[in-house]
Amino acid sequence: MTQEELTALAVAKSVDARGTACPGPLLEAKKAIGGVGVNEVMEVLSADEGTKVDIPKWCTKQGHEFLGTIEENGYFKIYLRKK
C-alpha cells in the first residue's frame, strides 16, 4: 500500500510501543491482536528498528496481512489486518 492509503485506513486499535525495545513491540502487538476483529486494522507504533522486520514475519507466521510501514520522525507506524 502507498503511504496515502496507509494513512487513510480506519484503525481499529493502535498500540503505542515506542517506549519498549525488542522484543517489546512484538509482544505488545501479540497481546493487542486479541482485541481486534477479523479484517480490522491494527497500528503498531515503535521506535525499535527490529520491529520493521519482526511484525511482517509474525504476520506471515500467524496468517495476518501486513499492510505496510510509515516512517515518522523517530518512530514507525506499522499496519496489519487481522485475518
PDB file of N, CA and C in Angstrom:
ATOM      1  N   MET A   1       0.842  -1.186   0.000  1.00  0.00           N
ATOM      2  CA  MET A   1       0.000   0.000   0.000  1.00  0.00           C
ATOM      3  C   MET A   1       0.886   1.249   0.000  1.00  0.00           C
ATOM      4  N   THR A   2       0.369   2.313  -0.567  1.00  0.00           N
ATOM      5  CA  THR A   2       1.109   3.578  -0.548  1.00  0.00           C
ATOM      6  C   THR A   2       0.952   4.235   0.821  1.00  0.00           C
ATOM      7  N   GLN A   3       1.786   5.224   1.089  1.00  0.00           N
ATOM      8  CA  GLN A   3       1.683   5.944   2.359  1.00  0.00           C
ATOM      9  C   GLN A   3       0.334   6.626   2.489  1.00  0.00           C
ATOM     10  N   GLU A   4      -0.200   7.141   1.390  1.00  0.00           N
ATOM     11  CA  GLU A   4      -1.506   7.797   1.418  1.00  0.00           C
ATOM     12  C   GLU A   4      -2.594   6.800   1.787  1.00  0.00           C
ATOM     13  N   GLU A   5      -2.523   5.584   1.213  1.00  0.00           N
ATOM     14  CA  GLU A   5      -3.508   4.549   1.522  1.00  0.00           C
ATOM     15  C   GLU A   5      -3.393   4.119   2.991  1.00  0.00           C
ATOM     16  N   LEU A   6      -2.166   4.008   3.488  1.00  0.00           N
ATOM     17  CA  LEU A   6      -1.962   3.609   4.880  1.00  0.00           C
ATOM     18  C   LEU A   6      -2.532   4.653   5.838  1.00  0.00           C
ATOM     19  N   THR A   7      -2.285   5.921   5.569  1.00  0.00           N
ATOM     20  CA  THR A   7      -2.782   6.970   6.472  1.00  0.00           C
ATOM     21  C   THR A   7      -4.304   7.099   6.413  1.00  0.00           C
ATOM     22  N   ALA A   8      -4.917   6.641   5.325  1.00  0.00           N
ATOM     23  CA  ALA A   8      -6.373   6.732   5.185  1.00  0.00           C
ATOM     24  C   ALA A   8      -7.101   5.540   5.811  1.00  0.00           C
ATOM     25  N   LEU A   9      -6.367   4.530   6.276  1.00  0.00           N
ATOM     26  CA  LEU A   9      -7.001   3.349   6.857  1.00  0.00           C
ATOM     27  C   LEU A   9      -7.774   3.679   8.129  1.00  0.00           C
ATOM     28  N   ALA A  10      -8.879   2.989   8.321  1.00  0.00           N
ATOM     29  CA  ALA A  10      -9.620   3.082   9.579  1.00  0.00           C
ATOM     30  C   ALA A  10      -8.969   2.096  10.548  1.00  0.00           C
ATOM     31  N   VAL A  11      -8.307   2.622  11.561  1.00  0.00           N
ATOM     32  CA  VAL A  11      -7.572   1.795  12.513  1.00  0.00           C
ATOM     33  C   VAL A  11      -8.486   1.425  13.685  1.00  0.00           C
ATOM     34  N   ALA A  12      -8.648   0.130  13.908  1.00  0.00           N
ATOM     35  CA  ALA A  12      -9.493  -0.351  15.000  1.00  0.00           C
ATOM     36  C   ALA A  12      -8.765  -0.268  16.336  1.00  0.00           C
ATOM     37  N   LYS A  13      -7.440  -0.469  16.312  1.00  0.00           N
ATOM     38  CA  LYS A  13      -6.657  -0.439  17.546  1.00  0.00           C
ATOM     39  C   LYS A  13      -5.265   0.080  17.229  1.00  0.00           C
ATOM     40  N   SER A  14      -4.780   0.957  18.100  1.00  0.00           N
ATOM     41  CA  SER A  14      -3.422   1.482  17.971  1.00  0.00           C
ATOM     42  C   SER A  14      -2.642   1.067  19.213  1.00  0.00           C
ATOM     43  N   VAL A  15      -1.466   0.492  18.994  1.00  0.00           N
ATOM     44  CA  VAL A  15      -0.609   0.024  20.083  1.00  0.00           C
ATOM     45  C   VAL A  15       0.628   0.915  20.109  1.00  0.00           C
ATOM     46  N   ASP A  16       0.805   1.653  21.187  1.00  0.00           N
ATOM     47  CA  ASP A  16       1.966   2.536  21.308  1.00  0.00           C
ATOM     48  C   ASP A  16       3.060   1.818  22.095  1.00  0.00           C
ATOM     49  N   ALA A  17       4.030   1.277  21.352  1.00  0.00           N
ATOM     50  CA  ALA A  17       5.136   0.540  21.968  1.00  0.00           C
ATOM     51  C   ALA A  17       6.450   1.294  21.793  1.00  0.00           C
ATOM     52  N   ARG A  18       6.364   2.616  21.653  1.00  0.00           N
ATOM     53  CA  ARG A  18       7.573   3.404  21.406  1.00  0.00           C
ATOM     54  C   ARG A  18       8.535   3.405  22.587  1.00  0.00           C
ATOM     55  N   GLY A  19       8.066   3.122  23.788  1.00  0.00           N
ATOM     56  CA  GLY A  19       8.935   3.132  24.956  1.00  0.00           C
ATOM     57  C   GLY A  19       9.600   1.794  25.242  1.00  0.00           C
ATOM     58  N   THR A  20       9.404   0.808  24.359  1.00  0.00           N
ATOM     59  CA  THR A  20       9.965  -0.519  24.595  1.00  0.00           C
ATOM     60  C   THR A  20      10.964  -0.887  23.512  1.00  0.00           C
ATOM     61  N   ALA A  21      11.936  -1.711  23.893  1.00  0.00           N
ATOM     62  CA  ALA A  21      12.924  -2.219  22.939  1.00  0.00           C
ATOM     63  C   ALA A  21      12.560  -3.658  22.586  1.00  0.00           C
ATOM     64  N   CYS A  22      13.128  -4.153  21.538  1.00  0.00           N
ATOM     65  CA  CYS A  22      12.901  -5.510  21.064  1.00  0.00           C
ATOM     66  C   CYS A  22      13.093  -6.503  22.209  1.00  0.00           C
ATOM     67  N   PRO A  23      12.192  -7.413  22.435  1.00  0.00           N
ATOM     68  CA  PRO A  23      11.013  -7.780  21.639  1.00  0.00           C
ATOM     69  C   PRO A  23       9.714  -7.120  22.118  1.00  0.00           C
ATOM     70  N   GLY A  24       9.808  -6.045  22.891  1.00  0.00           N
ATOM     71  CA  GLY A  24       8.636  -5.382  23.453  1.00  0.00           C
ATOM     72  C   GLY A  24       7.530  -5.049  22.466  1.00  0.00           C
ATOM     73  N   PRO A  25       7.841  -4.368  21.348  1.00  0.00           N
ATOM     74  CA  PRO A  25       6.766  -4.016  20.411  1.00  0.00           C
ATOM     75  C   PRO A  25       6.019  -5.235  19.863  1.00  0.00           C
ATOM     76  N   LEU A  26       6.757  -6.304  19.578  1.00  0.00           N
ATOM     77  CA  LEU A  26       6.101  -7.518  19.074  1.00  0.00           C
ATOM     78  C   LEU A  26       5.223  -8.132  20.157  1.00  0.00           C
ATOM     79  N   LEU A  27       5.709  -8.167  21.382  1.00  0.00           N
ATOM     80  CA  LEU A  27       4.907  -8.713  22.482  1.00  0.00           C
ATOM     81  C   LEU A  27       3.650  -7.885  22.711  1.00  0.00           C
ATOM     82  N   GLU A  28       3.771  -6.567  22.618  1.00  0.00           N
ATOM     83  CA  GLU A  28       2.600  -5.686  22.758  1.00  0.00           C
ATOM     84  C   GLU A  28       1.589  -5.951  21.643  1.00  0.00           C
ATOM     85  N   ALA A  29       2.084  -6.156  20.423  1.00  0.00           N
ATOM     86  CA  ALA A  29       1.202  -6.453  19.284  1.00  0.00           C
ATOM     87  C   ALA A  29       0.484  -7.784  19.496  1.00  0.00           C
ATOM     88  N   LYS A  30       1.214  -8.786  19.978  1.00  0.00           N
ATOM     89  CA  LYS A  30       0.614 -10.098  20.223  1.00  0.00           C
ATOM     90  C   LYS A  30      -0.495 -10.009  21.266  1.00  0.00           C
ATOM     91  N   LYS A  31      -0.285  -9.207  22.310  1.00  0.00           N
ATOM     92  CA  LYS A  31      -1.309  -9.039  23.343  1.00  0.00           C
ATOM     93  C   LYS A  31      -2.529  -8.314  22.784  1.00  0.00           C
ATOM     94  N   ALA A  32      -2.297  -7.302  21.970  1.00  0.00           N
ATOM     95  CA  ALA A  32      -3.378  -6.437  21.492  1.00  0.00           C
ATOM     96  C   ALA A  32      -4.225  -7.054  20.383  1.00  0.00           C
ATOM     97  N   ILE A  33      -3.667  -7.982  19.609  1.00  0.00           N
ATOM     98  CA  ILE A  33      -4.384  -8.502  18.444  1.00  0.00           C
ATOM     99  C   ILE A  33      -5.681  -9.208  18.849  1.00  0.00           C
ATOM    100  N   GLY A  34      -5.749  -9.717  20.066  1.00  0.00           N
ATOM    101  CA  GLY A  34      -6.967 -10.368  20.541  1.00  0.00           C
ATOM    102  C   GLY A  34      -8.155  -9.421  20.639  1.00  0.00           C
ATOM    103  N   GLY A  35      -7.882  -8.126  20.783  1.00  0.00           N
ATOM    104  CA  GLY A  35      -8.944  -7.137  20.880  1.00  0.00           C
ATOM    105  C   GLY A  35      -9.349  -6.535  19.549  1.00  0.00           C
ATOM    106  N   VAL A  36      -8.842  -7.116  18.471  1.00  0.00           N
ATOM    107  CA  VAL A  36      -9.126  -6.613  17.121  1.00  0.00           C
ATOM    108  C   VAL A  36      -9.977  -7.648  16.394  1.00  0.00           C
ATOM    109  N   GLY A  37     -11.015  -7.186  15.721  1.00  0.00           N
ATOM    110  CA  GLY A  37     -11.872  -8.098  14.975  1.00  0.00           C
ATOM    111  C   GLY A  37     -11.234  -8.545  13.672  1.00  0.00           C
ATOM    112  N   VAL A  38     -11.718  -9.675  13.153  1.00  0.00           N
ATOM    113  CA  VAL A  38     -11.226 -10.183  11.881  1.00  0.00           C
ATOM    114  C   VAL A  38     -11.467  -9.135  10.793  1.00  0.00           C
ATOM    115  N   ASN A  39     -10.465  -8.898   9.972  1.00  0.00           N
ATOM    116  CA  ASN A  39     -10.448  -7.916   8.882  1.00  0.00           C
ATOM    117  C   ASN A  39     -10.313  -6.476   9.364  1.00  0.00           C
ATOM    118  N   GLU A  40     -10.144  -6.270  10.668  1.00  0.00           N
ATOM    119  CA  GLU A  40      -9.888  -4.916  11.167  1.00  0.00           C
ATOM    120  C   GLU A  40      -8.389  -4.644  11.142  1.00  0.00           C
ATOM    121  N   VAL A  41      -8.053  -3.360  11.161  1.00  0.00           N
ATOM    122  CA  VAL A  41      -6.656  -2.920  11.059  1.00  0.00           C
ATOM    123  C   VAL A  41      -6.114  -2.530  12.430  1.00  0.00           C
ATOM    124  N   MET A  42      -4.886  -2.970  12.692  1.00  0.00           N
ATOM    125  CA  MET A  42      -4.179  -2.580  13.905  1.00  0.00           C
ATOM    126  C   MET A  42      -2.917  -1.827  13.493  1.00  0.00           C
ATOM    127  N   GLU A  43      -2.629  -0.785  14.247  1.00  0.00           N
ATOM    128  CA  GLU A  43      -1.447   0.047  14.017  1.00  0.00           C
ATOM    129  C   GLU A  43      -0.519  -0.153  15.215  1.00  0.00           C
ATOM    130  N   VAL A  44       0.776  -0.377  14.935  1.00  0.00           N
ATOM    131  CA  VAL A  44       1.768  -0.518  15.997  1.00  0.00           C
ATOM    132  C   VAL A  44       2.766   0.630  15.848  1.00  0.00           C
ATOM    133  N   LEU A  45       2.941   1.407  16.911  1.00  0.00           N
ATOM    134  CA  LEU A  45       3.916   2.497  16.919  1.00  0.00           C
ATOM    135  C   LEU A  45       5.158   1.997  17.635  1.00  0.00           C
ATOM    136  N   SER A  46       6.318   2.114  16.983  1.00  0.00           N
ATOM    137  CA  SER A  46       7.548   1.606  17.573  1.00  0.00           C
ATOM    138  C   SER A  46       8.735   2.439  17.120  1.00  0.00           C
ATOM    139  N   ALA A  47       9.676   2.640  18.041  1.00  0.00           N
ATOM    140  CA  ALA A  47      10.923   3.325  17.713  1.00  0.00           C
ATOM    141  C   ALA A  47      12.056   2.327  17.490  1.00  0.00           C
ATOM    142  N   ASP A  48      11.766   1.040  17.668  1.00  0.00           N
ATOM    143  CA  ASP A  48      12.779   0.000  17.528  1.00  0.00           C
ATOM    144  C   ASP A  48      12.873  -0.473  16.075  1.00  0.00           C
ATOM    145  N   GLU A  49      14.068  -0.376  15.479  1.00  0.00           N
ATOM    146  CA  GLU A  49      14.290  -0.776  14.070  1.00  0.00           C
ATOM    147  C   GLU A  49      13.840  -2.203  13.799  1.00  0.00           C
ATOM    148  N   GLY A  50      14.100  -3.098  14.736  1.00  0.00           N
ATOM    149  CA  GLY A  50      13.788  -4.509  14.534  1.00  0.00           C
ATOM    150  C   GLY A  50      12.310  -4.780  14.311  1.00  0.00           C
ATOM    151  N   THR A  51      11.476  -3.897  14.784  1.00  0.00           N
ATOM    152  CA  THR A  51      10.032  -4.085  14.646  1.00  0.00           C
ATOM    153  C   THR A  51       9.610  -4.102  13.179  1.00  0.00           C
ATOM    154  N   LYS A  52      10.340  -3.374  12.330  1.00  0.00           N
ATOM    155  CA  LYS A  52      10.011  -3.341  10.896  1.00  0.00           C
ATOM    156  C   LYS A  52      10.186  -4.714  10.255  1.00  0.00           C
ATOM    157  N   VAL A  53      10.996  -5.561  10.861  1.00  0.00           N
ATOM    158  CA  VAL A  53      11.197  -6.930  10.370  1.00  0.00           C
ATOM    159  C   VAL A  53      10.322  -7.908  11.147  1.00  0.00           C
ATOM    160  N   ASP A  54      10.256  -7.715  12.470  1.00  0.00           N
ATOM    161  CA  ASP A  54       9.534  -8.654  13.338  1.00  0.00           C
ATOM    162  C   ASP A  54       8.044  -8.731  13.036  1.00  0.00           C
ATOM    163  N   ILE A  55       7.392  -7.597  12.873  1.00  0.00           N
ATOM    164  CA  ILE A  55       5.934  -7.586  12.663  1.00  0.00           C
ATOM    165  C   ILE A  55       5.555  -8.264  11.342  1.00  0.00           C
ATOM    166  N   PRO A  56       6.198  -7.943  10.208  1.00  0.00           N
ATOM    167  CA  PRO A  56       5.839  -8.660   8.969  1.00  0.00           C
ATOM    168  C   PRO A  56       6.051 -10.177   9.071  1.00  0.00           C
ATOM    169  N   LYS A  57       7.141 -10.603   9.721  1.00  0.00           N
ATOM    170  CA  LYS A  57       7.394 -12.048   9.893  1.00  0.00           C
ATOM    171  C   LYS A  57       6.293 -12.685  10.735  1.00  0.00           C
ATOM    172  N   TRP A  58       5.920 -12.012  11.816  1.00  0.00           N
ATOM    173  CA  TRP A  58       4.864 -12.518  12.686  1.00  0.00           C
ATOM    174  C   TRP A  58       3.538 -12.602  11.926  1.00  0.00           C
ATOM    175  N   CYS A  59       3.240 -11.587  11.122  1.00  0.00           N
ATOM    176  CA  CYS A  59       2.007 -11.594  10.318  1.00  0.00           C
ATOM    177  C   CYS A  59       1.967 -12.815   9.403  1.00  0.00           C
ATOM    178  N   THR A  60       3.071 -13.071   8.718  1.00  0.00           N
ATOM    179  CA  THR A  60       3.146 -14.218   7.816  1.00  0.00           C
ATOM    180  C   THR A  60       2.936 -15.517   8.584  1.00  0.00           C
ATOM    181  N   LYS A  61       3.586 -15.631   9.717  1.00  0.00           N
ATOM    182  CA  LYS A  61       3.507 -16.843  10.540  1.00  0.00           C
ATOM    183  C   LYS A  61       2.095 -17.073  11.068  1.00  0.00           C
ATOM    184  N   GLN A  62       1.397 -15.991  11.440  1.00  0.00           N
ATOM    185  CA  GLN A  62       0.061 -16.090  12.036  1.00  0.00           C
ATOM    186  C   GLN A  62      -1.078 -16.001  11.022  1.00  0.00           C
ATOM    187  N   GLY A  63      -0.763 -15.654   9.779  1.00  0.00           N
ATOM    188  CA  GLY A  63      -1.795 -15.554   8.754  1.00  0.00           C
ATOM    189  C   GLY A  63      -2.458 -14.188   8.660  1.00  0.00           C
ATOM    190  N   HIS A  64      -1.896 -13.185   9.347  1.00  0.00           N
ATOM    191  CA  HIS A  64      -2.420 -11.822   9.242  1.00  0.00           C
ATOM    192  C   HIS A  64      -1.829 -11.156   8.006  1.00  0.00           C
ATOM    193  N   GLU A  65      -2.436 -10.085   7.567  1.00  0.00           N
ATOM    194  CA  GLU A  65      -1.972  -9.368   6.376  1.00  0.00           C
ATOM    195  C   GLU A  65      -1.163  -8.138   6.790  1.00  0.00           C
ATOM    196  N   PHE A  66       0.126  -8.156   6.476  1.00  0.00           N
ATOM    197  CA  PHE A  66       0.972  -6.985   6.717  1.00  0.00           C
ATOM    198  C   PHE A  66       0.657  -5.962   5.634  1.00  0.00           C
ATOM    199  N   LEU A  67       0.325  -4.738   6.036  1.00  0.00           N
ATOM    200  CA  LEU A  67      -0.100  -3.713   5.083  1.00  0.00           C
ATOM    201  C   LEU A  67       0.999  -2.727   4.717  1.00  0.00           C
ATOM    202  N   GLY A  68       1.916  -2.455   5.649  1.00  0.00           N
ATOM    203  CA  GLY A  68       3.000  -1.529   5.339  1.00  0.00           C
ATOM    204  C   GLY A  68       3.455  -0.736   6.546  1.00  0.00           C
ATOM    205  N   THR A  69       4.480   0.070   6.308  1.00  0.00           N
ATOM    206  CA  THR A  69       5.103   0.872   7.363  1.00  0.00           C
ATOM    207  C   THR A  69       5.250   2.312   6.902  1.00  0.00           C
ATOM    208  N   ILE A  70       4.991   3.231   7.798  1.00  0.00           N
ATOM    209  CA  ILE A  70       5.243   4.654   7.550  1.00  0.00           C
ATOM    210  C   ILE A  70       6.321   5.086   8.531  1.00  0.00           C
ATOM    211  N   GLU A  71       7.368   5.711   8.031  1.00  0.00           N
ATOM    212  CA  GLU A  71       8.428   6.218   8.892  1.00  0.00           C
ATOM    213  C   GLU A  71       8.106   7.653   9.280  1.00  0.00           C
ATOM    214  N   GLU A  72       7.997   7.861  10.589  1.00  0.00           N
ATOM    215  CA  GLU A  72       7.770   9.194  11.132  1.00  0.00           C
ATOM    216  C   GLU A  72       9.087   9.703  11.700  1.00  0.00           C
ATOM    217  N   ASN A  73       9.059  10.858  12.317  1.00  0.00           N
ATOM    218  CA  ASN A  73      10.259  11.438  12.913  1.00  0.00           C
ATOM    219  C   ASN A  73      10.606  10.689  14.205  1.00  0.00           C
ATOM    220  N   GLY A  74      11.515   9.719  14.118  1.00  0.00           N
ATOM    221  CA  GLY A  74      11.971   8.991  15.288  1.00  0.00           C
ATOM    222  C   GLY A  74      11.218   7.720  15.622  1.00  0.00           C
ATOM    223  N   TYR A  75      10.209   7.357  14.836  1.00  0.00           N
ATOM    224  CA  TYR A  75       9.482   6.105  15.076  1.00  0.00           C
ATOM    225  C   TYR A  75       8.785   5.640  13.802  1.00  0.00           C
ATOM    226  N   PHE A  76       8.175   4.456  13.897  1.00  0.00           N
ATOM    227  CA  PHE A  76       7.499   3.845  12.757  1.00  0.00           C
ATOM    228  C   PHE A  76       6.045   3.561  13.105  1.00  0.00           C
ATOM    229  N   LYS A  77       5.190   3.655  12.094  1.00  0.00           N
ATOM    230  CA  LYS A  77       3.795   3.222  12.208  1.00  0.00           C
ATOM    231  C   LYS A  77       3.675   1.994  11.318  1.00  0.00           C
ATOM    232  N   ILE A  78       3.355   0.871  11.929  1.00  0.00           N
ATOM    233  CA  ILE A  78       3.288  -0.386  11.205  1.00  0.00           C
ATOM    234  C   ILE A  78       1.835  -0.856  11.212  1.00  0.00           C
ATOM    235  N   TYR A  79       1.325  -1.208  10.032  1.00  0.00           N
ATOM    236  CA  TYR A  79      -0.085  -1.553   9.878  1.00  0.00           C
ATOM    237  C   TYR A  79      -0.260  -3.005   9.469  1.00  0.00           C
ATOM    238  N   LEU A  80      -1.268  -3.643  10.087  1.00  0.00           N
ATOM    239  CA  LEU A  80      -1.604  -5.014   9.719  1.00  0.00           C
ATOM    240  C   LEU A  80      -3.104  -5.214   9.823  1.00  0.00           C
ATOM    241  N   ARG A  81      -3.593  -6.182   9.054  1.00  0.00           N
ATOM    242  CA  ARG A  81      -5.016  -6.533   9.085  1.00  0.00           C
ATOM    243  C   ARG A  81      -5.133  -7.934   9.685  1.00  0.00           C
ATOM    244  N   LYS A  82      -5.957  -8.051  10.713  1.00  0.00           N
ATOM    245  CA  LYS A  82      -6.153  -9.357  11.348  1.00  0.00           C
ATOM    246  C   LYS A  82      -6.934 -10.278  10.419  1.00  0.00           C
ATOM    247  N   LYS A  83      -6.461 -11.485  10.290  1.00  0.00           N
ATOM    248  CA  LYS A  83      -7.145 -12.496   9.459  1.00  0.00           C
ATOM    249  C   LYS A  83      -7.522 -13.694  10.291  1.00  0.00           C
TER     250      LYS A  83
END
